[in-house]
Every structure is written in C-alpha cells, then in structure tokens.
Protein backbone atom coordinates (compact mmCIF):
# COMPACT_ATOMS: atom_id res chain seq x y z
CA UNK A 1 0.00 0.00 0.00
CA UNK A 2 2.80 2.42 0.92
CA UNK A 3 4.59 1.59 -2.35
CA UNK A 4 1.41 2.41 -4.30
CA UNK A 5 1.05 5.79 -2.59
CA UNK A 6 4.68 6.69 -3.31
CA UNK A 7 4.36 5.53 -6.93
CA UNK A 8 1.18 7.57 -7.47
CA UNK A 9 2.86 10.59 -5.91
CA UNK A 10 5.79 10.24 -8.29
CA UNK A 11 3.40 10.07 -11.25
CA UNK A 12 1.62 13.23 -10.09
CA UNK A 13 4.90 15.12 -9.70
CA UNK A 14 6.06 13.91 -13.11
CA UNK A 15 2.79 15.10 -14.62
CA UNK A 16 3.20 18.53 -13.04
CA UNK A 17 6.73 18.82 -14.36
CA UNK A 18 5.56 17.92 -17.86
CA UNK A 19 2.69 20.39 -17.64
CA UNK A 20 5.06 23.19 -16.72
CA UNK A 21 7.54 22.48 -19.52
CA UNK A 22 7.09 24.38 -22.80
CA UNK A 23 4.85 22.67 -25.34
CA UNK A 24 7.64 23.16 -27.87
CA UNK A 25 11.35 22.96 -27.22
CA UNK A 26 12.07 25.62 -29.86
CA UNK A 27 11.75 28.90 -27.95
CA UNK A 28 12.83 31.00 -30.96
CA UNK A 29 15.29 32.89 -28.78
CA UNK A 30 17.40 35.40 -30.67
CA UNK A 31 20.63 37.22 -29.91
CA UNK A 32 23.85 38.59 -31.30
CA UNK A 33 26.66 38.86 -28.76
CA UNK A 34 24.73 36.48 -26.53
CA UNK A 35 24.25 33.21 -28.38
CA UNK A 36 20.58 32.11 -28.45
CA UNK A 37 20.02 29.52 -25.76
CA UNK A 38 18.19 26.26 -26.33
CA UNK A 39 15.81 24.73 -23.81
CA UNK A 40 17.59 21.40 -23.67
CA UNK A 41 20.90 22.99 -22.64
CA UNK A 42 19.42 25.27 -19.96
CA UNK A 43 20.01 24.91 -16.25
CA UNK A 44 17.01 24.15 -14.02
CA UNK A 45 16.96 27.82 -12.95
CA UNK A 46 16.88 28.98 -16.57
CA UNK A 47 14.08 26.55 -17.36
CA UNK A 48 12.10 27.88 -14.41
CA UNK A 49 12.43 31.44 -15.73
CA UNK A 50 11.32 30.32 -19.20
CA UNK A 51 8.31 28.51 -17.77
CA UNK A 52 7.32 31.65 -15.86
CA UNK A 53 7.63 33.74 -19.04
CA UNK A 54 5.51 31.36 -21.08
CA UNK A 55 2.87 31.06 -18.37
CA UNK A 56 2.71 34.81 -17.79
CA UNK A 57 0.95 37.59 -19.64
CA UNK A 58 3.70 37.96 -22.23
CA UNK A 59 3.33 34.34 -23.32
CA UNK A 60 6.72 34.39 -25.04
CA UNK A 61 10.44 34.97 -24.78
CA UNK A 62 11.08 37.84 -27.20
CA UNK A 63 13.03 40.82 -25.94
CA UNK A 64 15.83 40.93 -23.37
CA UNK A 65 15.26 37.47 -21.95
CA UNK A 66 17.91 35.62 -23.95
CA UNK A 67 20.30 38.06 -22.24
CA UNK A 68 18.86 38.03 -18.73
CA UNK A 69 18.63 34.23 -18.74
CA UNK A 70 22.39 34.36 -18.14
CA UNK A 71 21.47 35.34 -14.58
CA UNK A 72 18.12 33.55 -14.26
CA UNK A 73 17.49 34.44 -10.62
CA UNK A 74 17.88 38.15 -11.38
CA UNK A 75 16.19 37.77 -14.76
CA UNK A 76 13.13 36.09 -13.30
CA UNK A 77 12.66 38.77 -10.67
CA UNK A 78 13.16 41.48 -13.30
CA UNK A 79 10.61 40.00 -15.70
CA UNK A 80 8.05 39.80 -12.89
CA UNK A 81 8.62 43.49 -12.12
CA UNK A 82 8.31 44.28 -15.83
CA UNK A 83 5.02 42.39 -16.09
CA UNK A 84 3.63 44.31 -13.13
CA UNK A 85 4.65 47.67 -14.60
CA UNK A 86 3.50 46.87 -18.12
CA UNK A 87 0.23 45.07 -17.48
CA UNK A 88 -0.93 46.38 -14.09
CA UNK A 89 0.06 50.04 -14.03
CA UNK A 90 -2.46 52.59 -12.81
CA UNK A 91 -1.71 54.48 -16.03
CA UNK A 92 -3.71 53.59 -19.13
CA UNK A 93 -2.07 51.42 -21.80
CA UNK A 94 -1.92 54.46 -24.07
CA UNK A 95 0.10 56.47 -21.57
CA UNK A 96 2.22 53.53 -20.49
CA UNK A 97 3.18 52.79 -24.08
CA UNK A 98 3.97 56.46 -24.63
CA UNK A 99 6.39 56.38 -21.69
CA UNK A 100 7.99 53.19 -23.04
CA UNK A 101 8.46 54.77 -26.49
CA UNK A 102 10.10 57.82 -24.94
CA UNK A 103 12.51 55.53 -23.11
CA UNK A 104 13.24 53.47 -26.23
CA UNK A 105 13.91 56.67 -28.17
CA UNK A 106 16.26 57.95 -25.46
CA UNK A 107 18.32 54.74 -25.64
CA UNK A 108 17.96 54.36 -29.41
CA UNK A 109 16.69 50.84 -28.72
CA UNK A 110 15.51 49.63 -32.12
CA UNK A 111 13.78 46.43 -31.02
CA UNK A 112 12.03 48.08 -28.10
CA UNK A 113 10.79 50.87 -30.33
CA UNK A 114 9.59 48.49 -33.03
CA UNK A 115 7.65 46.29 -30.62
CA UNK A 116 6.07 49.11 -28.65
CA UNK A 117 5.34 51.30 -31.68
CA UNK A 118 2.77 48.69 -32.65
CA UNK A 119 1.50 48.40 -29.08
CA UNK A 120 1.12 52.17 -28.78
CA UNK A 121 -0.94 52.39 -31.96
CA UNK A 122 -3.18 49.56 -30.74
CA UNK A 123 -3.59 51.34 -27.39
CA UNK A 124 -4.79 54.51 -29.15
CA UNK A 125 -1.73 56.77 -29.11
CA UNK A 126 -1.82 59.17 -32.04
CA UNK A 127 0.58 58.42 -34.94
CA UNK A 128 1.52 62.11 -34.90
CA UNK A 129 2.65 61.85 -31.27
CA UNK A 130 4.64 58.70 -32.04
CA UNK A 131 6.27 60.27 -35.10
CA UNK A 132 7.35 63.33 -33.11
CA UNK A 133 8.88 61.21 -30.35
CA UNK A 134 10.70 59.15 -33.01
CA UNK A 135 12.57 62.21 -34.28
CA UNK A 136 13.21 63.66 -30.83
CA UNK A 137 10.68 66.47 -31.14
CA UNK A 138 7.98 67.59 -28.74
CA UNK A 139 4.59 66.53 -30.13
CA UNK A 140 2.58 69.58 -31.17
CA UNK A 141 -0.81 68.09 -30.36
CA UNK A 142 -1.23 66.07 -27.18
CA UNK A 143 -4.14 65.31 -24.91
CA UNK A 144 -3.75 66.84 -21.42
CA UNK A 145 -2.83 63.51 -19.83
CA UNK A 146 -0.27 62.85 -22.58
CA UNK A 147 1.27 66.26 -22.04
CA UNK A 148 1.68 65.54 -18.33
CA UNK A 149 3.42 62.25 -19.10
CA UNK A 150 5.60 63.81 -21.78
CA UNK A 151 6.77 66.72 -19.62
CA UNK A 152 7.55 64.45 -16.67
CA UNK A 153 9.29 61.78 -18.76
CA UNK A 154 11.21 64.21 -20.94
CA UNK A 155 12.61 66.07 -17.93
CA UNK A 156 13.49 62.85 -16.13
CA UNK A 157 15.38 61.42 -19.09
CA UNK A 158 17.15 64.61 -20.14
CA UNK A 159 17.87 66.31 -16.81
CA UNK A 160 17.70 63.34 -14.41
CA UNK A 161 15.29 65.43 -12.33
CA UNK A 162 11.63 66.47 -12.52
CA UNK A 163 10.56 70.05 -11.86
CA UNK A 164 7.84 70.89 -9.35
CA UNK A 165 5.29 71.86 -12.06
CA UNK A 166 5.85 68.62 -14.02
CA UNK A 167 5.68 66.53 -10.84
CA UNK A 168 2.52 68.27 -9.64
CA UNK A 169 0.81 67.81 -13.01
CA UNK A 170 1.35 64.05 -12.89
CA UNK A 171 0.29 63.71 -9.25
CA UNK A 172 -2.80 65.86 -9.85
CA UNK A 173 -3.88 63.65 -12.76
CA UNK A 174 -2.76 60.19 -11.66
CA UNK A 175 -2.02 60.41 -7.94
CA UNK A 176 1.23 59.63 -6.16
CA UNK A 177 1.01 55.99 -7.23
CA UNK A 178 0.72 57.14 -10.83
CA UNK A 179 3.94 59.15 -10.48
CA UNK A 180 5.67 56.06 -9.06
CA UNK A 181 4.24 53.78 -11.77
CA UNK A 182 5.38 56.20 -14.49
CA UNK A 183 8.89 56.41 -13.04
CA UNK A 184 8.95 52.65 -12.57
CA UNK A 185 8.00 51.76 -16.13
CA UNK A 186 10.56 54.17 -17.55
CA UNK A 187 13.22 52.78 -15.22
CA UNK A 188 12.40 49.20 -16.17
CA UNK A 189 12.56 49.96 -19.88
CA UNK A 190 15.90 51.71 -19.39
CA UNK A 191 17.05 48.35 -17.98
CA UNK A 192 15.52 46.51 -20.95
CA UNK A 193 17.02 48.90 -23.50
CA UNK A 194 20.46 48.57 -21.95
CA UNK A 195 20.27 44.77 -22.11
CA UNK A 196 19.16 44.86 -25.75
CA UNK A 197 21.80 47.39 -26.70
CA UNK A 198 24.73 45.53 -25.16
CA UNK A 199 23.61 42.43 -27.05
CA UNK A 200 22.97 44.32 -30.32
CA UNK A 201 19.69 42.43 -30.24
CA UNK A 202 18.48 41.74 -33.79
CA UNK A 203 15.13 42.83 -35.17
CA UNK A 204 12.78 40.12 -36.46
CA UNK A 205 13.50 38.97 -40.01
CA UNK A 206 12.25 41.49 -42.54
CA UNK A 207 11.98 44.38 -40.06
CA UNK A 208 14.09 47.50 -40.62
CA UNK A 209 15.31 49.96 -37.97
CA UNK A 210 12.80 52.77 -37.46
CA UNK A 211 14.95 55.12 -35.41
CA UNK A 212 17.65 57.37 -36.80
CA UNK A 213 20.43 58.62 -34.53
CA UNK A 214 19.60 61.95 -32.91
CA UNK A 215 22.01 64.91 -33.19
C-alpha cells in the first residue's frame, strides 16, 4: 500500500513537471553577442524562468530574456517586475506605451521601439505623437494627460530630475502611485534597452530599424 502511494505521488509530480515544460522545445530565442540559448541545454533555474515567461501575460520569450537568462534568478525577478509595470500600471495602456516609447527613443533601442510602436498604436496613441517622439521632437498636439506624461518623462530622461510643475501635473492627474508607476516603467525599460543594446539584439527577419540617430 505504501509503495502504491509513493508511486502515485511520483506520477503526479512527473505530470506537473511535464505540464510546466514548454509545449515546444524551440523557444525562438534570438541574440547577437549572446548566443541564443536552447531549452535542452538550460540549467534548471533557466528553465524555471522560461516557464514563468511562457505562463505569464507575455506568453513568449522575445526581448531581453535571452540576455537576462544568463542570470536567471535576477532575470526572473526582473521579468516579474516588468510584467507588473507593463500590465498592471495605474496608467492607461496608451500612456504607459507612450512612456515606453520615450525611453526606447532615449536609448535608441531599435527592437524596443519596433515592438512598442505597434503596441502604442493599438492602445490609441496618435501616430503624430509617435512620429514626433521618433525624431526627438515635442509633439505639437497632445491630450492633457499625454502632455503631463511627456513633460515628466522628458525632464526625467534629459535632466535626471523632474521640476515641481511637471511633478505636480502628474500627481494631480494620476495620484502619487501614478507618479511612481510612471517612473517605474521608464526605469524598467531603461534596464531593458540597456540589455538589448549591449547584445545588439536583432530585429525580427524582414523588419528594418525605425529610429535614426539623434544629433
């Protein structure tokens, strides 16, 4: 009887392990300086991070994760923070994507820009606003909430500080948590852009760089 219980327990655990593993072993990881990893050669910690990525709201491994998998404990914590800031911010998707685009433009992060350009359009951000950010210009027509985000984010990136008027405008519109969420998402995507840039992370096949160097 005891043997049967142990055997059944082992079957259950084996089933859970199989359920957590990716349905396909080809994760389509990409990289340049960092060679794309394969699932079968990953450490248990790396596999755990991959399983969390696939089970989470991203549902994939595109972006900085081929890089951050080199330190899977850090990478897993970072991707969880990124998911919180991207999918559960108190800011709307439109404003969150605007902040991400500003950060991608600051770092000249081609992949980040390409991916979030599409997301921003889907979220309702005006093409005119996106085009202005792409060339490093202040958008001429913004909604009041967009202007608050732009002023705050532009000052933070360019001066490393935020003036009292820009800070007050964000807090008045989005509350203190909104100011923290805005700062957090820009900080996280600075981290992402840095990881992508040190790797020289390639764009998907057929995509061309959308950002030109700024003066």
